N, C-alpha and C. Protein backbone atom coordinates (compact mmCIF):
# COMPACT_ATOMS: atom_id res chain seq x y z
N MET A 1 -2.72 -131.74 -161.84
CA MET A 1 -3.11 -131.61 -160.46
C MET A 1 -3.37 -130.17 -160.24
N LEU A 2 -4.43 -129.82 -159.55
CA LEU A 2 -4.88 -128.49 -159.30
C LEU A 2 -4.78 -128.30 -157.77
N ALA A 3 -4.09 -127.25 -157.37
CA ALA A 3 -3.95 -126.94 -155.89
C ALA A 3 -4.58 -125.67 -155.75
N LEU A 4 -5.56 -125.50 -154.87
CA LEU A 4 -6.31 -124.26 -154.60
C LEU A 4 -6.02 -123.94 -153.09
N LEU A 5 -6.29 -122.65 -152.74
CA LEU A 5 -6.27 -122.32 -151.39
C LEU A 5 -7.67 -122.06 -150.79
N PRO A 6 -8.27 -123.10 -150.28
CA PRO A 6 -9.62 -123.09 -149.81
C PRO A 6 -9.71 -122.23 -148.50
N GLU A 7 -10.90 -121.75 -148.32
CA GLU A 7 -11.17 -120.98 -147.11
C GLU A 7 -11.26 -121.96 -146.04
N VAL A 8 -10.84 -121.47 -144.79
CA VAL A 8 -11.02 -122.17 -143.49
C VAL A 8 -12.44 -122.01 -143.02
N GLU A 9 -12.87 -123.06 -142.36
CA GLU A 9 -14.18 -123.01 -141.74
C GLU A 9 -14.32 -121.73 -140.88
N GLY A 10 -15.41 -121.15 -140.90
CA GLY A 10 -15.60 -120.01 -140.02
C GLY A 10 -15.46 -118.71 -140.86
N GLY A 11 -15.24 -118.87 -142.19
CA GLY A 11 -15.33 -117.70 -143.01
C GLY A 11 -14.01 -116.78 -143.08
N GLY A 12 -12.98 -117.29 -142.31
CA GLY A 12 -11.87 -116.36 -142.16
C GLY A 12 -11.17 -116.00 -143.47
N GLY A 13 -11.27 -117.00 -144.53
CA GLY A 13 -10.60 -116.77 -145.70
C GLY A 13 -9.20 -117.02 -145.79
N GLU A 14 -8.62 -117.45 -144.75
CA GLU A 14 -7.10 -117.84 -144.61
C GLU A 14 -7.05 -119.31 -144.93
N PRO A 15 -6.08 -119.69 -145.74
CA PRO A 15 -5.74 -121.11 -146.04
C PRO A 15 -5.25 -121.84 -144.74
N SER A 16 -5.50 -123.08 -144.67
CA SER A 16 -4.96 -123.89 -143.60
C SER A 16 -3.50 -124.11 -143.79
N ASP A 17 -2.90 -124.46 -142.76
CA ASP A 17 -1.37 -124.68 -142.65
C ASP A 17 -0.97 -125.79 -143.72
N ARG A 18 -1.76 -126.86 -143.80
CA ARG A 18 -1.53 -127.89 -144.64
C ARG A 18 -1.66 -127.41 -146.10
N THR A 19 -2.62 -126.65 -146.36
CA THR A 19 -2.84 -126.16 -147.83
C THR A 19 -1.63 -125.39 -148.15
N ARG A 20 -1.15 -124.42 -147.23
CA ARG A 20 -0.05 -123.59 -147.60
C ARG A 20 1.21 -124.47 -147.81
N ALA A 21 1.33 -125.41 -147.00
CA ALA A 21 2.50 -126.34 -147.17
C ALA A 21 2.53 -127.12 -148.53
N ASP A 22 1.27 -127.54 -148.89
CA ASP A 22 1.10 -128.23 -150.17
C ASP A 22 1.40 -127.33 -151.28
N LEU A 23 0.93 -126.07 -151.19
CA LEU A 23 1.09 -125.11 -152.31
C LEU A 23 2.58 -124.70 -152.47
N GLY A 24 3.29 -124.62 -151.23
CA GLY A 24 4.68 -124.34 -151.22
C GLY A 24 5.43 -125.32 -151.95
N ARG A 25 5.13 -126.65 -151.58
CA ARG A 25 5.87 -127.68 -152.23
C ARG A 25 5.65 -127.72 -153.75
N LEU A 26 4.44 -127.42 -154.12
CA LEU A 26 4.32 -127.33 -155.58
C LEU A 26 4.99 -126.24 -156.29
N LEU A 27 5.09 -124.99 -155.51
CA LEU A 27 5.77 -123.91 -156.11
C LEU A 27 7.27 -124.16 -156.15
N ALA A 28 7.81 -124.87 -155.17
CA ALA A 28 9.27 -125.04 -155.09
C ALA A 28 9.76 -125.89 -156.33
N ALA A 29 8.88 -126.62 -156.98
CA ALA A 29 9.24 -127.36 -158.13
C ALA A 29 8.69 -126.79 -159.45
N ALA A 30 8.26 -125.47 -159.41
CA ALA A 30 7.54 -124.88 -160.55
C ALA A 30 8.41 -123.95 -161.26
N GLY A 31 9.62 -123.90 -161.10
CA GLY A 31 10.51 -122.98 -161.88
C GLY A 31 10.28 -123.19 -163.38
N GLY A 32 10.10 -121.96 -164.05
CA GLY A 32 9.82 -121.99 -165.51
C GLY A 32 8.39 -122.15 -165.96
N TYR A 33 7.50 -122.28 -164.94
CA TYR A 33 6.11 -122.35 -165.21
C TYR A 33 5.61 -120.96 -165.82
N ARG A 34 4.56 -120.96 -166.54
CA ARG A 34 3.94 -119.72 -166.94
C ARG A 34 3.20 -119.21 -165.73
N VAL A 35 3.14 -117.89 -165.61
CA VAL A 35 2.42 -117.19 -164.56
C VAL A 35 1.31 -116.43 -165.30
N LEU A 36 0.13 -116.71 -164.75
CA LEU A 36 -1.17 -116.15 -165.21
C LEU A 36 -1.80 -115.31 -164.34
N ALA A 37 -2.46 -114.20 -164.79
CA ALA A 37 -3.40 -113.47 -163.88
C ALA A 37 -4.60 -114.26 -163.61
N SER A 38 -5.50 -113.91 -162.73
CA SER A 38 -6.67 -114.73 -162.39
C SER A 38 -7.69 -114.73 -163.55
N ASP A 39 -7.45 -113.73 -164.54
CA ASP A 39 -8.38 -113.75 -165.71
C ASP A 39 -7.72 -114.63 -166.87
N GLY A 40 -6.71 -115.19 -166.58
CA GLY A 40 -6.05 -116.11 -167.62
C GLY A 40 -5.04 -115.32 -168.50
N THR A 41 -4.76 -114.03 -168.24
CA THR A 41 -3.86 -113.26 -169.05
C THR A 41 -2.39 -113.70 -168.73
N HIS A 42 -1.56 -113.96 -169.64
CA HIS A 42 -0.11 -114.47 -169.37
C HIS A 42 0.63 -113.27 -168.94
N LEU A 43 1.24 -113.33 -167.80
CA LEU A 43 2.01 -112.23 -167.16
C LEU A 43 3.50 -112.45 -167.45
N ARG A 44 4.00 -113.47 -167.06
CA ARG A 44 5.45 -113.64 -167.11
C ARG A 44 5.66 -115.10 -166.89
N TRP A 45 6.98 -115.47 -166.39
CA TRP A 45 7.43 -116.87 -166.19
C TRP A 45 7.99 -116.88 -164.81
N LEU A 46 7.69 -117.93 -163.97
CA LEU A 46 8.14 -118.15 -162.67
C LEU A 46 9.63 -118.33 -162.62
N ASP A 47 10.40 -117.48 -162.02
CA ASP A 47 11.92 -117.60 -161.88
C ASP A 47 12.30 -118.47 -160.74
N HIS A 48 11.83 -118.14 -159.56
CA HIS A 48 12.16 -118.84 -158.45
C HIS A 48 11.17 -118.33 -157.23
N VAL A 49 11.32 -119.04 -156.19
CA VAL A 49 10.62 -118.57 -154.95
C VAL A 49 11.64 -118.31 -153.85
N ARG A 50 11.29 -117.41 -152.88
CA ARG A 50 12.10 -117.07 -151.93
C ARG A 50 11.58 -117.56 -150.47
N TYR A 51 12.41 -118.10 -149.74
CA TYR A 51 11.96 -118.54 -148.31
C TYR A 51 12.81 -117.74 -147.36
N GLU A 52 12.14 -116.98 -146.61
CA GLU A 52 12.88 -116.08 -145.50
C GLU A 52 12.32 -116.43 -144.02
N ARG A 53 11.05 -116.31 -143.95
CA ARG A 53 10.50 -116.42 -142.59
C ARG A 53 9.83 -117.74 -142.39
N HIS A 54 9.36 -118.44 -143.41
CA HIS A 54 8.54 -119.62 -143.17
C HIS A 54 9.40 -120.88 -143.78
N ALA A 55 9.28 -121.93 -143.23
CA ALA A 55 10.00 -123.26 -143.85
C ALA A 55 9.04 -124.07 -144.61
N ASP A 56 7.71 -123.98 -144.43
CA ASP A 56 6.72 -124.71 -145.04
C ASP A 56 6.20 -124.08 -146.40
N HIS A 57 6.39 -122.87 -146.60
CA HIS A 57 6.02 -122.18 -147.78
C HIS A 57 6.73 -120.99 -148.09
N PRO A 58 6.94 -120.54 -149.32
CA PRO A 58 7.87 -119.38 -149.78
C PRO A 58 7.07 -118.17 -149.24
N ASP A 59 7.95 -117.13 -148.98
CA ASP A 59 7.47 -115.77 -148.60
C ASP A 59 7.08 -115.04 -149.89
N GLU A 60 7.90 -115.09 -150.93
CA GLU A 60 7.75 -114.51 -152.25
C GLU A 60 7.90 -115.22 -153.50
N VAL A 61 7.25 -114.92 -154.53
CA VAL A 61 7.35 -115.59 -155.81
C VAL A 61 7.93 -114.55 -156.71
N VAL A 62 9.07 -114.91 -157.30
CA VAL A 62 9.75 -114.06 -158.25
C VAL A 62 9.57 -114.44 -159.64
N VAL A 63 8.93 -113.59 -160.56
CA VAL A 63 8.63 -113.85 -161.93
C VAL A 63 9.51 -113.04 -162.84
N ARG A 64 9.78 -113.46 -164.02
CA ARG A 64 10.60 -112.68 -164.99
C ARG A 64 10.01 -112.67 -166.34
N SER A 65 10.28 -111.72 -167.24
CA SER A 65 9.89 -111.70 -168.50
C SER A 65 10.85 -112.45 -169.41
N ARG A 66 10.45 -112.87 -170.51
CA ARG A 66 11.34 -113.67 -171.50
C ARG A 66 11.69 -112.89 -172.67
N ARG A 67 11.96 -111.61 -172.57
CA ARG A 67 12.28 -110.84 -173.68
C ARG A 67 13.91 -110.95 -173.91
N LEU A 68 14.27 -110.77 -175.13
CA LEU A 68 15.64 -111.09 -175.55
C LEU A 68 16.64 -110.43 -174.57
N LEU A 69 16.60 -109.20 -174.31
CA LEU A 69 17.68 -108.62 -173.54
C LEU A 69 17.14 -108.11 -172.13
N ALA A 70 15.79 -108.24 -172.03
CA ALA A 70 15.26 -107.62 -170.76
C ALA A 70 15.56 -108.65 -169.63
N ARG A 71 15.73 -108.06 -168.48
CA ARG A 71 15.89 -108.90 -167.27
C ARG A 71 15.12 -108.33 -166.26
N ARG A 72 13.82 -108.14 -166.54
CA ARG A 72 13.01 -107.54 -165.45
C ARG A 72 12.43 -108.59 -164.70
N ARG A 73 12.34 -108.25 -163.36
CA ARG A 73 11.73 -109.25 -162.47
C ARG A 73 10.71 -108.59 -161.62
N ARG A 74 9.59 -109.20 -161.27
CA ARG A 74 8.65 -108.61 -160.31
C ARG A 74 8.52 -109.65 -159.15
N VAL A 75 8.18 -109.11 -158.00
CA VAL A 75 8.13 -110.02 -156.82
C VAL A 75 6.71 -109.95 -156.33
N PHE A 76 6.02 -111.05 -156.07
CA PHE A 76 4.69 -111.15 -155.62
C PHE A 76 4.77 -111.85 -154.15
N PRO A 77 3.81 -111.49 -153.25
CA PRO A 77 3.78 -112.14 -152.01
C PRO A 77 3.24 -113.52 -152.27
N PHE A 78 3.52 -114.49 -151.38
CA PHE A 78 2.95 -115.91 -151.56
C PHE A 78 1.42 -115.81 -151.42
N ARG A 79 0.92 -114.86 -150.64
CA ARG A 79 -0.54 -114.85 -150.58
C ARG A 79 -1.23 -114.60 -151.92
N ALA A 80 -0.56 -114.02 -152.95
CA ALA A 80 -1.16 -113.81 -154.30
C ALA A 80 -1.13 -114.99 -155.12
N VAL A 81 -0.63 -116.13 -154.74
CA VAL A 81 -0.72 -117.33 -155.46
C VAL A 81 -2.06 -118.04 -155.23
N ALA A 82 -2.90 -118.22 -156.17
CA ALA A 82 -4.17 -118.71 -156.05
C ALA A 82 -4.10 -120.26 -156.36
N GLU A 83 -3.32 -120.73 -157.21
CA GLU A 83 -3.20 -122.15 -157.60
C GLU A 83 -2.04 -122.50 -158.47
N VAL A 84 -1.56 -123.72 -158.39
CA VAL A 84 -0.53 -124.19 -159.23
C VAL A 84 -1.10 -125.35 -160.07
N ARG A 85 -0.98 -125.31 -161.35
CA ARG A 85 -1.47 -126.40 -162.24
C ARG A 85 -0.36 -127.04 -162.88
N ARG A 86 -0.02 -128.26 -162.32
CA ARG A 86 1.11 -129.06 -162.61
C ARG A 86 1.02 -129.45 -164.15
N GLY A 87 -0.17 -130.01 -164.40
CA GLY A 87 -0.37 -130.52 -165.77
C GLY A 87 -0.29 -129.50 -166.78
N GLU A 88 -0.64 -128.22 -166.50
CA GLU A 88 -0.55 -127.17 -167.49
C GLU A 88 0.75 -126.39 -167.41
N ARG A 89 1.51 -126.75 -166.34
CA ARG A 89 2.82 -126.04 -166.13
C ARG A 89 2.51 -124.50 -165.82
N THR A 90 1.47 -124.10 -165.15
CA THR A 90 1.19 -122.66 -164.89
C THR A 90 0.88 -122.53 -163.41
N VAL A 91 1.13 -121.24 -162.93
CA VAL A 91 0.82 -120.64 -161.69
C VAL A 91 -0.17 -119.47 -162.04
N VAL A 92 -1.30 -119.62 -161.12
CA VAL A 92 -2.26 -118.40 -161.19
C VAL A 92 -2.17 -117.56 -159.97
N LEU A 93 -2.01 -116.30 -160.36
CA LEU A 93 -1.90 -115.28 -159.27
C LEU A 93 -3.35 -114.62 -159.12
N CYS A 94 -3.83 -114.30 -157.91
CA CYS A 94 -4.99 -113.56 -157.77
C CYS A 94 -4.77 -112.15 -157.46
N GLY A 95 -5.65 -111.35 -157.73
CA GLY A 95 -5.42 -109.83 -157.47
C GLY A 95 -4.37 -109.17 -158.25
N THR A 96 -4.07 -109.83 -159.44
CA THR A 96 -3.11 -109.16 -160.28
C THR A 96 -3.67 -108.63 -161.55
N ARG A 97 -3.14 -107.54 -162.03
CA ARG A 97 -3.58 -106.96 -163.27
C ARG A 97 -2.41 -106.84 -164.23
N PRO A 98 -2.56 -107.22 -165.56
CA PRO A 98 -1.46 -107.07 -166.50
C PRO A 98 -1.07 -105.66 -166.56
N LYS A 99 0.14 -105.32 -166.85
CA LYS A 99 0.76 -103.93 -167.06
C LYS A 99 1.33 -103.85 -168.47
């Protein structure tokens, strides 16, 4: 299943409330998924999502590396999530560059 954040009519570019809620639901069950940059580069792994201000979608997405002793985590805002691919067990982030 592929979940995208489509643009709202009128060219505002903001996803609808329902689309955000659907994407939030998919992310809540996506712990351990691979996290990819928009160009397909593997970045890290989804550790968890954080809910602070919104009930229908997370505020932040926390990713981690899988190195033996490394416990590095990076936090991305929810708006950076472009799609969740359940069949491939991946989350795609837009506007990210590998480091």
